[in-house]
PDB file of N, CA and C in Angstrom:
ATOM      1  N   MET A   1     106.464  65.749  87.773  1.00  0.00           N
ATOM      2  CA  MET A   1     106.674  67.122  87.260  1.00  0.00           C
ATOM      3  C   MET A   1     106.012  66.775  85.747  1.00  0.00           C
ATOM      4  N   PRO A   2     106.911  66.019  84.929  1.00  0.00           N
ATOM      5  CA  PRO A   2     106.428  65.778  83.553  1.00  0.00           C
ATOM      6  C   PRO A   2     104.753  65.376  83.585  1.00  0.00           C
ATOM      7  N   LEU A   3     104.278  64.929  84.461  1.00  0.00           N
ATOM      8  CA  LEU A   3     103.142  64.400  84.533  1.00  0.00           C
ATOM      9  C   LEU A   3     102.108  65.620  84.542  1.00  0.00           C
ATOM     10  N   THR A   4     101.996  66.521  85.260  1.00  0.00           N
ATOM     11  CA  THR A   4     101.542  67.709  85.246  1.00  0.00           C
ATOM     12  C   THR A   4     101.357  69.045  84.082  1.00  0.00           C
ATOM     13  N   SER A   5     102.993  68.520  83.373  1.00  0.00           N
ATOM     14  CA  SER A   5     103.000  69.526  82.024  1.00  0.00           C
ATOM     15  C   SER A   5     102.462  68.950  81.135  1.00  0.00           C
ATOM     16  N   THR A   6     102.518  67.355  80.793  1.00  0.00           N
ATOM     17  CA  THR A   6     101.843  66.931  80.271  1.00  0.00           C
ATOM     18  C   THR A   6      99.990  67.134  80.423  1.00  0.00           C
ATOM     19  N   LEU A   7      99.340  66.612  81.583  1.00  0.00           N
ATOM     20  CA  LEU A   7      97.991  67.360  81.562  1.00  0.00           C
ATOM     21  C   LEU A   7      97.418  68.567  81.576  1.00  0.00           C
ATOM     22  N   ASP A   8      98.343  69.516  81.556  1.00  0.00           N
ATOM     23  CA  ASP A   8      98.094  70.806  81.462  1.00  0.00           C
ATOM     24  C   ASP A   8      98.414  71.004  79.954  1.00  0.00           C
ATOM     25  N   SER A   9      98.928  70.247  78.767  1.00  0.00           N
ATOM     26  CA  SER A   9      98.845  70.390  77.380  1.00  0.00           C
ATOM     27  C   SER A   9      97.530  69.873  76.931  1.00  0.00           C
ATOM     28  N   LEU A  10      96.829  68.567  77.973  1.00  0.00           N
ATOM     29  CA  LEU A  10      95.686  68.052  76.609  1.00  0.00           C
ATOM     30  C   LEU A  10      94.456  68.992  76.995  1.00  0.00           C
ATOM     31  N   ASP A  11      93.906  69.638  75.631  1.00  0.00           N
ATOM     32  CA  ASP A  11      92.905  70.342  75.463  1.00  0.00           C
ATOM     33  C   ASP A  11      91.191  70.176  76.547  1.00  0.00           C
ATOM     34  N   ASP A  12      91.030  70.643  76.579  1.00  0.00           N
ATOM     35  CA  ASP A  12      89.284  70.287  77.058  1.00  0.00           C
ATOM     36  C   ASP A  12      88.579  70.147  76.587  1.00  0.00           C
ATOM     37  N   SER A  13      88.908  70.382  74.980  1.00  0.00           N
ATOM     38  CA  SER A  13      87.474  70.457  74.235  1.00  0.00           C
ATOM     39  C   SER A  13      87.615  68.424  73.732  1.00  0.00           C
ATOM     40  N   TYR A  14      88.924  67.961  74.434  1.00  0.00           N
ATOM     41  CA  TYR A  14      88.534  66.301  74.232  1.00  0.00           C
ATOM     42  C   TYR A  14      87.823  65.875  75.143  1.00  0.00           C
ATOM     43  N   ILE A  15      87.965  66.013  76.597  1.00  0.00           N
ATOM     44  CA  ILE A  15      87.011  65.945  77.384  1.00  0.00           C
ATOM     45  C   ILE A  15      85.451  66.120  77.530  1.00  0.00           C
ATOM     46  N   GLU A  16      85.563  67.447  77.304  1.00  0.00           N
ATOM     47  CA  GLU A  16      83.790  67.594  76.670  1.00  0.00           C
ATOM     48  C   GLU A  16      83.640  66.574  75.779  1.00  0.00           C
ATOM     49  N   ALA A  17      84.265  66.524  74.877  1.00  0.00           N
ATOM     50  CA  ALA A  17      83.834  65.652  73.357  1.00  0.00           C
ATOM     51  C   ALA A  17      83.337  64.235  73.858  1.00  0.00           C
ATOM     52  N   GLY A  18      84.351  63.553  75.120  1.00  0.00           N
ATOM     53  CA  GLY A  18      83.982  62.505  75.648  1.00  0.00           C
ATOM     54  C   GLY A  18      82.599  62.270  76.315  1.00  0.00           C
ATOM     55  N   TYR A  19      82.663  63.596  77.344  1.00  0.00           N
ATOM     56  CA  TYR A  19      81.293  63.654  77.627  1.00  0.00           C
ATOM     57  C   TYR A  19      79.841  63.685  77.160  1.00  0.00           C
ATOM     58  N   ASP A  20      80.367  64.991  75.680  1.00  0.00           N
ATOM     59  CA  ASP A  20      79.193  64.677  74.780  1.00  0.00           C
ATOM     60  C   ASP A  20      78.816  63.645  74.110  1.00  0.00           C
ATOM     61  N   LEU A  21      79.659  61.956  74.040  1.00  0.00           N
ATOM     62  CA  LEU A  21      79.417  61.035  73.447  1.00  0.00           C
ATOM     63  C   LEU A  21      78.838  59.852  74.339  1.00  0.00           C
ATOM     64  N   GLY A  22      78.803  60.464  75.414  1.00  0.00           N
ATOM     65  CA  GLY A  22      77.745  59.648  76.696  1.00  0.00           C
ATOM     66  C   GLY A  22      78.965  58.867  77.185  1.00  0.00           C
ATOM     67  N   GLY A  23      80.223  59.077  77.237  1.00  0.00           N
ATOM     68  CA  GLY A  23      81.206  58.568  78.314  1.00  0.00           C
ATOM     69  C   GLY A  23      80.834  58.976  79.855  1.00  0.00           C
ATOM     70  N   ASN A  24      81.011  58.375  80.465  1.00  0.00           N
ATOM     71  CA  ASN A  24      80.974  58.984  82.172  1.00  0.00           C
ATOM     72  C   ASN A  24      82.583  59.292  82.606  1.00  0.00           C
ATOM     73  N   GLY A  25      82.759  59.553  83.364  1.00  0.00           N
ATOM     74  CA  GLY A  25      83.951  60.065  84.146  1.00  0.00           C
ATOM     75  C   GLY A  25      84.829  59.106  83.839  1.00  0.00           C
ATOM     76  N   PHE A  26      84.543  57.568  84.209  1.00  0.00           N
ATOM     77  CA  PHE A  26      85.731  57.152  84.143  1.00  0.00           C
ATOM     78  C   PHE A  26      85.737  56.724  82.860  1.00  0.00           C
ATOM     79  N   SER A  27      84.997  56.240  82.082  1.00  0.00           N
ATOM     80  CA  SER A  27      85.703  56.516  80.323  1.00  0.00           C
ATOM     81  C   SER A  27      86.536  57.250  79.877  1.00  0.00           C
ATOM     82  N   VAL A  28      85.913  58.266  80.468  1.00  0.00           N
ATOM     83  CA  VAL A  28      86.699  59.544  79.712  1.00  0.00           C
ATOM     84  C   VAL A  28      87.890  59.630  80.314  1.00  0.00           C
ATOM     85  N   PHE A  29      88.617  59.296  81.907  1.00  0.00           N
ATOM     86  CA  PHE A  29      89.236  59.328  82.086  1.00  0.00           C
ATOM     87  C   PHE A  29      90.372  58.606  81.458  1.00  0.00           C
ATOM     88  N   TRP A  30      89.938  56.964  81.475  1.00  0.00           N
ATOM     89  CA  TRP A  30      90.146  55.831  80.939  1.00  0.00           C
ATOM     90  C   TRP A  30      91.114  55.841  79.096  1.00  0.00           C
ATOM     91  N   GLN A  31      89.980  56.185  78.482  1.00  0.00           N
ATOM     92  CA  GLN A  31      90.137  56.312  76.753  1.00  0.00           C
ATOM     93  C   GLN A  31      90.839  57.618  76.718  1.00  0.00           C
ATOM     94  N   ILE A  32      90.441  58.653  77.214  1.00  0.00           N
ATOM     95  CA  ILE A  32      91.459  60.034  77.066  1.00  0.00           C
ATOM     96  C   ILE A  32      92.330  60.402  77.788  1.00  0.00           C
ATOM     97  N   VAL A  33      92.354  60.473  78.815  1.00  0.00           N
ATOM     98  CA  VAL A  33      93.403  60.843  79.544  1.00  0.00           C
ATOM     99  C   VAL A  33      94.592  60.263  79.717  1.00  0.00           C
ATOM    100  N   VAL A  34      94.239  59.391  80.331  1.00  0.00           N
ATOM    101  CA  VAL A  34      95.693  58.045  80.621  1.00  0.00           C
ATOM    102  C   VAL A  34      96.436  57.892  79.120  1.00  0.00           C
ATOM    103  N   PRO A  35      95.739  57.257  78.470  1.00  0.00           N
ATOM    104  CA  PRO A  35      96.393  57.524  76.658  1.00  0.00           C
ATOM    105  C   PRO A  35      97.261  58.737  76.173  1.00  0.00           C
ATOM    106  N   HIS A  36      97.018  60.183  76.554  1.00  0.00           N
ATOM    107  CA  HIS A  36      97.482  61.350  76.552  1.00  0.00           C
ATOM    108  C   HIS A  36      98.740  61.552  77.969  1.00  0.00           C
ATOM    109  N   ALA A  37      98.224  60.814  78.890  1.00  0.00           N
ATOM    110  CA  ALA A  37      99.314  60.972  79.548  1.00  0.00           C
ATOM    111  C   ALA A  37     100.389  59.975  79.962  1.00  0.00           C
ATOM    112  N   LYS A  38     100.352  58.839  79.246  1.00  0.00           N
ATOM    113  CA  LYS A  38     101.310  57.594  79.136  1.00  0.00           C
ATOM    114  C   LYS A  38     102.426  57.766  78.810  1.00  0.00           C
ATOM    115  N   PRO A  39     103.114  58.516  78.142  1.00  0.00           N
ATOM    116  CA  PRO A  39     104.813  58.788  78.400  1.00  0.00           C
ATOM    117  C   PRO A  39     105.097  59.873  79.311  1.00  0.00           C
ATOM    118  N   ALA A  40     104.687  60.451  79.803  1.00  0.00           N
ATOM    119  CA  ALA A  40     104.505  61.081  81.719  1.00  0.00           C
ATOM    120  C   ALA A  40     104.682  60.354  82.625  1.00  0.00           C
ATOM    121  N   ILE A  41     103.433  59.411  82.660  1.00  0.00           N
ATOM    122  CA  ILE A  41     103.220  58.523  83.733  1.00  0.00           C
ATOM    123  C   ILE A  41     105.022  57.402  83.660  1.00  0.00           C
ATOM    124  N   VAL A  42     105.468  56.816  82.615  1.00  0.00           N
ATOM    125  CA  VAL A  42     106.276  56.243  82.060  1.00  0.00           C
ATOM    126  C   VAL A  42     107.599  56.667  82.440  1.00  0.00           C
ATOM    127  N   SER A  43     107.771  58.179  82.644  1.00  0.00           N
ATOM    128  CA  SER A  43     108.779  58.680  82.663  1.00  0.00           C
ATOM    129  C   SER A  43     108.955  59.522  83.936  1.00  0.00           C
ATOM    130  N   GLY A  44     108.028  59.156  84.739  1.00  0.00           N
ATOM    131  CA  GLY A  44     107.533  59.763  86.080  1.00  0.00           C
ATOM    132  C   GLY A  44     107.813  58.888  87.171  1.00  0.00           C
ATOM    133  N   CYS A  45     107.887  57.281  86.530  1.00  0.00           N
ATOM    134  CA  CYS A  45     108.171  56.446  86.895  1.00  0.00           C
ATOM    135  C   CYS A  45     109.424  56.058  87.018  1.00  0.00           C
ATOM    136  N   ILE A  46     110.616  56.294  86.123  1.00  0.00           N
ATOM    137  CA  ILE A  46     111.325  55.770  85.763  1.00  0.00           C
ATOM    138  C   ILE A  46     112.360  56.998  86.783  1.00  0.00           C
ATOM    139  N   VAL A  47     112.068  58.072  86.907  1.00  0.00           N
ATOM    140  CA  VAL A  47     112.475  59.341  87.470  1.00  0.00           C
ATOM    141  C   VAL A  47     112.483  58.526  89.353  1.00  0.00           C
ATOM    142  N   VAL A  48     111.492  58.138  89.397  1.00  0.00           N
ATOM    143  CA  VAL A  48     111.491  58.038  90.579  1.00  0.00           C
ATOM    144  C   VAL A  48     112.313  56.730  91.231  1.00  0.00           C
ATOM    145  N   PHE A  49     111.983  55.360  90.413  1.00  0.00           N
ATOM    146  CA  PHE A  49     112.963  54.131  90.337  1.00  0.00           C
ATOM    147  C   PHE A  49     113.973  54.360  90.487  1.00  0.00           C
ATOM    148  N   MET A  50     114.634  55.048  89.304  1.00  0.00           N
ATOM    149  CA  MET A  50     115.974  55.641  89.873  1.00  0.00           C
ATOM    150  C   MET A  50     116.268  56.349  91.025  1.00  0.00           C
ATOM    151  N   LEU A  51     116.226  57.391  91.105  1.00  0.00           N
ATOM    152  CA  LEU A  51     116.369  57.905  92.822  1.00  0.00           C
ATOM    153  C   LEU A  51     115.916  57.209  93.945  1.00  0.00           C
ATOM    154  N   THR A  52     115.399  56.160  93.586  1.00  0.00           N
ATOM    155  CA  THR A  52     114.749  55.404  95.048  1.00  0.00           C
ATOM    156  C   THR A  52     116.102  54.267  94.901  1.00  0.00           C
ATOM    157  N   LEU A  53     116.228  53.861  93.784  1.00  0.00           N
ATOM    158  CA  LEU A  53     117.652  52.620  93.369  1.00  0.00           C
ATOM    159  C   LEU A  53     118.882  52.987  93.744  1.00  0.00           C
ATOM    160  N   GLY A  54     119.286  54.338  93.565  1.00  0.00           N
ATOM    161  CA  GLY A  54     120.528  55.077  93.825  1.00  0.00           C
ATOM    162  C   GLY A  54     120.593  55.251  95.247  1.00  0.00           C
ATOM    163  N   ASN A  55     119.779  55.619  96.282  1.00  0.00           N
ATOM    164  CA  ASN A  55     119.718  55.234  97.599  1.00  0.00           C
ATOM    165  C   ASN A  55     120.371  54.785  98.376  1.00  0.00           C
ATOM    166  N   TYR A  56     121.481  55.371  98.913  1.00  0.00           N
ATOM    167  CA  TYR A  56     121.836  54.246 100.536  1.00  0.00           C
ATOM    168  C   TYR A  56     121.878  54.815 101.661  1.00  0.00           C
ATOM    169  N   LEU A  57     121.263  56.258 101.727  1.00  0.00           N
ATOM    170  CA  LEU A  57     121.279  56.645 103.338  1.00  0.00           C
ATOM    171  C   LEU A  57     120.157  56.114 103.820  1.00  0.00           C
ATOM    172  N   THR A  58     119.435  55.863 103.310  1.00  0.00           N
ATOM    173  CA  THR A  58     118.145  55.710 103.804  1.00  0.00           C
ATOM    174  C   THR A  58     118.025  54.072 104.346  1.00  0.00           C
ATOM    175  N   PRO A  59     118.168  53.311 104.007  1.00  0.00           N
ATOM    176  CA  PRO A  59     118.466  51.978 103.762  1.00  0.00           C
ATOM    177  C   PRO A  59     119.741  52.114 105.722  1.00  0.00           C
ATOM    178  N   ILE A  60     120.209  52.508 105.157  1.00  0.00           N
ATOM    179  CA  ILE A  60     121.326  52.659 106.390  1.00  0.00           C
ATOM    180  C   ILE A  60     120.380  53.420 107.882  1.00  0.00           C
ATOM    181  N   LEU A  61     120.098  54.566 107.797  1.00  0.00           N
ATOM    182  CA  LEU A  61     119.394  55.064 108.398  1.00  0.00           C
ATOM    183  C   LEU A  61     118.238  54.009 108.930  1.00  0.00           C
ATOM    184  N   LEU A  62     117.240  53.513 108.224  1.00  0.00           N
ATOM    185  CA  LEU A  62     116.115  52.380 108.932  1.00  0.00           C
ATOM    186  C   LEU A  62     116.423  51.255 109.336  1.00  0.00           C
ATOM    187  N   GLY A  63     117.647  50.771 108.475  1.00  0.00           N
ATOM    188  CA  GLY A  63     118.249  49.038 108.905  1.00  0.00           C
ATOM    189  C   GLY A  63     119.021  48.800 109.680  1.00  0.00           C
ATOM    190  N   GLY A  64     119.535  50.180 110.053  1.00  0.00           N
ATOM    191  CA  GLY A  64     121.017  49.844 110.708  1.00  0.00           C
ATOM    192  C   GLY A  64     122.130  49.406 110.080  1.00  0.00           C
ATOM    193  N   LYS A  65     123.242  48.931 110.807  1.00  0.00           N
ATOM    194  CA  LYS A  65     124.403  48.223 110.762  1.00  0.00           C
ATOM    195  C   LYS A  65     124.306  46.873 109.771  1.00  0.00           C
ATOM    196  N   SER A  66     123.215  46.556 109.952  1.00  0.00           N
ATOM    197  CA  SER A  66     123.056  44.824 109.549  1.00  0.00           C
ATOM    198  C   SER A  66     122.080  44.812 108.515  1.00  0.00           C
ATOM    199  N   SER A  67     122.096  45.748 107.793  1.00  0.00           N
ATOM    200  CA  SER A  67     120.766  45.815 106.611  1.00  0.00           C
ATOM    201  C   SER A  67     121.570  45.577 105.434  1.00  0.00           C
ATOM    202  N   LEU A  68     121.459  44.656 104.200  1.00  0.00           N
ATOM    203  CA  LEU A  68     122.403  44.336 103.415  1.00  0.00           C
ATOM    204  C   LEU A  68     121.586  44.910 101.785  1.00  0.00           C
ATOM    205  N   TRP A  69     121.477  46.339 101.895  1.00  0.00           N
ATOM    206  CA  TRP A  69     121.077  46.399 100.947  1.00  0.00           C
ATOM    207  C   TRP A  69     122.129  46.690  99.738  1.00  0.00           C
ATOM    208  N   PHE A  70     121.479  46.869  98.389  1.00  0.00           N
ATOM    209  CA  PHE A  70     122.519  46.360  96.924  1.00  0.00           C
ATOM    210  C   PHE A  70     123.291  47.967  96.956  1.00  0.00           C
ATOM    211  N   THR A  71     123.124  48.699  97.447  1.00  0.00           N
ATOM    212  CA  THR A  71     123.807  50.139  97.004  1.00  0.00           C
ATOM    213  C   THR A  71     124.353  50.192  98.104  1.00  0.00           C
ATOM    214  N   GLU A  72     124.164  50.212  99.288  1.00  0.00           N
ATOM    215  CA  GLU A  72     125.113  50.201 100.540  1.00  0.00           C
ATOM    216  C   GLU A  72     126.294  49.226 100.568  1.00  0.00           C
ATOM    217  N   GLN A  73     125.883  47.886 100.039  1.00  0.00           N
ATOM    218  CA  GLN A  73     126.994  47.061  99.862  1.00  0.00           C
ATOM    219  C   GLN A  73     128.015  47.728  98.629  1.00  0.00           C
ATOM    220  N   ILE A  74     127.557  47.831  97.584  1.00  0.00           N
ATOM    221  CA  ILE A  74     128.572  49.041  96.598  1.00  0.00           C
ATOM    222  C   ILE A  74     129.595  50.045  97.314  1.00  0.00           C
ATOM    223  N   PHE A  75     128.531  50.698  98.328  1.00  0.00           N
ATOM    224  CA  PHE A  75     129.294  51.808  99.163  1.00  0.00           C
ATOM    225  C   PHE A  75     130.407  51.435 100.030  1.00  0.00           C
ATOM    226  N   THR A  76     130.099  49.702 100.662  1.00  0.00           N
ATOM    227  CA  THR A  76     130.984  49.375 102.091  1.00  0.00           C
ATOM    228  C   THR A  76     132.388  49.142 100.970  1.00  0.00           C
ATOM    229  N   GLN A  77     131.710  48.495  99.758  1.00  0.00           N
ATOM    230  CA  GLN A  77     133.044  47.744  98.891  1.00  0.00           C
ATOM    231  C   GLN A  77     134.353  48.844  98.551  1.00  0.00           C
ATOM    232  N   PHE A  78     133.399  50.087  98.296  1.00  0.00           N
ATOM    233  CA  PHE A  78     134.289  51.150  97.620  1.00  0.00           C
ATOM    234  C   PHE A  78     135.506  51.686  98.570  1.00  0.00           C
ATOM    235  N   ILE A  79     134.252  52.442  99.943  1.00  0.00           N
ATOM    236  CA  ILE A  79     134.501  53.134 100.914  1.00  0.00           C
ATOM    237  C   ILE A  79     135.638  53.013 101.789  1.00  0.00           C
ATOM    238  N   THR A  80     134.814  51.862 102.673  1.00  0.00           N
ATOM    239  CA  THR A  80     135.333  51.329 103.693  1.00  0.00           C
ATOM    240  C   THR A  80     136.359  49.847 103.491  1.00  0.00           C
ATOM    241  N   ARG A  81     135.974  48.939 102.197  1.00  0.00           N
ATOM    242  CA  ARG A  81     137.137  47.842 101.901  1.00  0.00           C
ATOM    243  C   ARG A  81     138.208  48.104 100.990  1.00  0.00           C
ATOM    244  N   PHE A  82     137.813  49.342 100.298  1.00  0.00           N
ATOM    245  CA  PHE A  82     138.863  49.323  99.286  1.00  0.00           C
ATOM    246  C   PHE A  82     138.953  48.450  98.123  1.00  0.00           C
ATOM    247  N   ASN A  83     137.914  47.610  97.738  1.00  0.00           N
ATOM    248  CA  ASN A  83     137.426  46.430  97.247  1.00  0.00           C
ATOM    249  C   ASN A  83     137.192  46.478  95.840  1.00  0.00           C
ATOM    250  N   TRP A  84     138.400  47.573  94.939  1.00  0.00           N
ATOM    251  CA  TRP A  84     137.722  48.356  93.551  1.00  0.00           C
ATOM    252  C   TRP A  84     136.711  47.709  92.369  1.00  0.00           C
ATOM    253  N   GLN A  85     137.203  45.983  92.481  1.00  0.00           N
ATOM    254  CA  GLN A  85     136.756  45.185  91.357  1.00  0.00           C
ATOM    255  C   GLN A  85     135.405  44.811  91.904  1.00  0.00           C
ATOM    256  N   GLN A  86     135.106  44.110  93.482  1.00  0.00           N
ATOM    257  CA  GLN A  86     134.108  44.203  93.795  1.00  0.00           C
ATOM    258  C   GLN A  86     132.967  44.901  93.736  1.00  0.00           C
ATOM    259  N   GLY A  87     133.333  46.263  93.962  1.00  0.00           N
ATOM    260  CA  GLY A  87     132.550  47.693  94.185  1.00  0.00           C
ATOM    261  C   GLY A  87     132.212  47.937  92.735  1.00  0.00           C
ATOM    262  N   SER A  88     133.076  47.740  91.381  1.00  0.00           N
ATOM    263  CA  SER A  88     132.921  47.977  90.104  1.00  0.00           C
ATOM    264  C   SER A  88     131.627  46.815  89.829  1.00  0.00           C
ATOM    265  N   ALA A  89     131.933  45.675  89.901  1.00  0.00           N
ATOM    266  CA  ALA A  89     131.258  44.172  89.497  1.00  0.00           C
ATOM    267  C   ALA A  89     129.811  44.732  89.848  1.00  0.00           C
ATOM    268  N   PHE A  90     129.808  45.303  91.194  1.00  0.00           N
ATOM    269  CA  PHE A  90     127.705  45.589  91.751  1.00  0.00           C
ATOM    270  C   PHE A  90     127.508  46.658  91.073  1.00  0.00           C
ATOM    271  N   GLY A  91     128.408  47.907  91.183  1.00  0.00           N
ATOM    272  CA  GLY A  91     127.835  48.758  90.248  1.00  0.00           C
ATOM    273  C   GLY A  91     127.075  48.753  88.817  1.00  0.00           C
ATOM    274  N   VAL A  92     127.822  47.639  88.372  1.00  0.00           N
ATOM    275  CA  VAL A  92     127.944  47.232  86.810  1.00  0.00           C
ATOM    276  C   VAL A  92     126.546  46.616  86.462  1.00  0.00           C
ATOM    277  N   LEU A  93     126.658  45.836  87.589  1.00  0.00           N
ATOM    278  CA  LEU A  93     125.234  44.725  87.815  1.00  0.00           C
ATOM    279  C   LEU A  93     124.563  45.859  87.938  1.00  0.00           C
ATOM    280  N   LEU A  94     124.269  46.149  89.068  1.00  0.00           N
ATOM    281  CA  LEU A  94     122.909  47.560  89.273  1.00  0.00           C
ATOM    282  C   LEU A  94     122.835  48.343  88.122  1.00  0.00           C
ATOM    283  N   LEU A  95     124.073  48.886  87.258  1.00  0.00           N
ATOM    284  CA  LEU A  95     123.545  49.357  86.168  1.00  0.00           C
ATOM    285  C   LEU A  95     122.581  48.788  85.223  1.00  0.00           C
ATOM    286  N   THR A  96     122.924  47.620  85.165  1.00  0.00           N
ATOM    287  CA  THR A  96     122.283  46.239  84.122  1.00  0.00           C
ATOM    288  C   THR A  96     121.106  46.338  84.353  1.00  0.00           C
ATOM    289  N   ILE A  97     120.917  45.679  85.441  1.00  0.00           N
ATOM    290  CA  ILE A  97     119.322  45.643  86.105  1.00  0.00           C
ATOM    291  C   ILE A  97     118.949  46.407  85.989  1.00  0.00           C
ATOM    292  N   SER A  98     118.810  47.751  86.619  1.00  0.00           N
ATOM    293  CA  SER A  98     118.548  49.282  86.733  1.00  0.00           C
ATOM    294  C   SER A  98     117.709  49.362  84.920  1.00  0.00           C
ATOM    295  N   SER A  99     118.839  49.345  84.491  1.00  0.00           N
ATOM    296  CA  SER A  99     118.389  49.357  82.768  1.00  0.00           C
ATOM    297  C   SER A  99     117.610  48.327  82.178  1.00  0.00           C
ATOM    298  N   LEU A 100     118.022  47.132  82.186  1.00  0.00           N
ATOM    299  CA  LEU A 100     116.735  46.120  82.119  1.00  0.00           C
ATOM    300  C   LEU A 100     115.347  46.336  82.674  1.00  0.00           C
ATOM    301  N   ILE A 101     114.846  47.048  83.339  1.00  0.00           N
ATOM    302  CA  ILE A 101     114.013  46.949  84.323  1.00  0.00           C
ATOM    303  C   ILE A 101     112.989  48.336  83.983  1.00  0.00           C
ATOM    304  N   VAL A 102     114.080  48.880  83.191  1.00  0.00           N
ATOM    305  CA  VAL A 102     113.488  50.486  82.574  1.00  0.00           C
ATOM    306  C   VAL A 102     113.129  50.168  80.953  1.00  0.00           C
ATOM    307  N   TRP A 103     113.666  49.307  80.495  1.00  0.00           N
ATOM    308  CA  TRP A 103     113.641  48.907  79.308  1.00  0.00           C
ATOM    309  C   TRP A 103     112.239  47.963  79.143  1.00  0.00           C
ATOM    310  N   LEU A 104     112.066  47.302  80.153  1.00  0.00           N
ATOM    311  CA  LEU A 104     110.952  46.292  80.077  1.00  0.00           C
ATOM    312  C   LEU A 104     109.718  47.098  80.537  1.00  0.00           C
ATOM    313  N   GLY A 105     109.530  47.790  81.279  1.00  0.00           N
ATOM    314  CA  GLY A 105     108.949  49.164  81.794  1.00  0.00           C
ATOM    315  C   GLY A 105     107.753  49.690  80.427  1.00  0.00           C
ATOM    316  N   LEU A 106     109.421  50.400  79.608  1.00  0.00           N
ATOM    317  CA  LEU A 106     109.050  50.964  78.579  1.00  0.00           C
ATOM    318  C   LEU A 106     108.368  50.264  77.820  1.00  0.00           C
ATOM    319  N   LYS A 107     108.960  48.676  77.356  1.00  0.00           N
ATOM    320  CA  LYS A 107     107.993  48.013  76.243  1.00  0.00           C
ATOM    321  C   LYS A 107     107.047  47.401  76.463  1.00  0.00           C
ATOM    322  N   LEU A 108     106.962  46.942  78.196  1.00  0.00           N
ATOM    323  CA  LEU A 108     105.654  46.990  78.145  1.00  0.00           C
ATOM    324  C   LEU A 108     103.991  47.878  77.955  1.00  0.00           C
ATOM    325  N   THR A 109     104.684  49.035  78.160  1.00  0.00           N
ATOM    326  CA  THR A 109     103.482  50.512  78.149  1.00  0.00           C
ATOM    327  C   THR A 109     103.745  50.525  76.617  1.00  0.00           C
ATOM    328  N   GLY A 110     104.383  50.258  75.903  1.00  0.00           N
ATOM    329  CA  GLY A 110     104.522  50.172  74.270  1.00  0.00           C
ATOM    330  C   GLY A 110     105.117  51.669  73.868  1.00  0.00           C
ATOM    331  N   GLN A 111     106.421  51.879  74.988  1.00  0.00           N
ATOM    332  CA  GLN A 111     107.113  53.412  74.428  1.00  0.00           C
ATOM    333  C   GLN A 111     108.160  52.920  74.252  1.00  0.00           C
ATOM    334  N   SER A 112     108.783  53.997  73.743  1.00  0.00           N
ATOM    335  CA  SER A 112     110.307  54.321  73.519  1.00  0.00           C
ATOM    336  C   SER A 112     111.303  55.076  74.319  1.00  0.00           C
ATOM    337  N   PHE A 113     112.496  54.751  74.124  1.00  0.00           N
ATOM    338  CA  PHE A 113     113.070  55.579  74.830  1.00  0.00           C
ATOM    339  C   PHE A 113     112.913  57.437  74.484  1.00  0.00           C
ATOM    340  N   SER A 114     113.080  57.531  73.360  1.00  0.00           N
ATOM    341  CA  SER A 114     113.366  58.607  72.685  1.00  0.00           C
ATOM    342  C   SER A 114     111.989  58.808  72.512  1.00  0.00           C
ATOM    343  N   LYS A 115     111.063  58.740  72.815  1.00  0.00           N
ATOM    344  CA  LYS A 115     109.640  59.323  73.159  1.00  0.00           C
ATOM    345  C   LYS A 115     109.392  59.953  74.513  1.00  0.00           C
ATOM    346  N   VAL A 116     110.115  58.943  75.746  1.00  0.00           N
ATOM    347  CA  VAL A 116     109.783  59.426  76.600  1.00  0.00           C
ATOM    348  C   VAL A 116     110.215  60.438  77.188  1.00  0.00           C
ATOM    349  N   MET A 117     111.747  60.328  76.538  1.00  0.00           N
ATOM    350  CA  MET A 117     112.894  61.675  76.860  1.00  0.00           C
ATOM    351  C   MET A 117     112.220  63.004  76.345  1.00  0.00           C
ATOM    352  N   SER A 118     111.387  63.021  75.279  1.00  0.00           N
ATOM    353  CA  SER A 118     111.222  64.404  74.626  1.00  0.00           C
ATOM    354  C   SER A 118     110.264  64.978  75.088  1.00  0.00           C
TER     355      SER A 118
END
């Protein structure tokens, strides 16, 4: 969704100017479209990453009872074992690791969190 709205806001005159200045399809895409859509690409990746990271039903259905996914371990500690300390520790660890991965992705692409979320 963020990528669609960002690409919709790209003015067609920039693409036409890229072709008029001698660019081919790949160079116009790489030098005009990608820099314009970079914040949307990063925010879309963050949304997909966070939804995938928090999923615990799919690994149970696909992997069975013997799978050891992190979110399944958090669920098991809270619901079946009532081990609130271990479940909380796993939850904080998951939050910390996911926040670091998101921050690293933003830094690698030269974005800031406030720029991506606006």
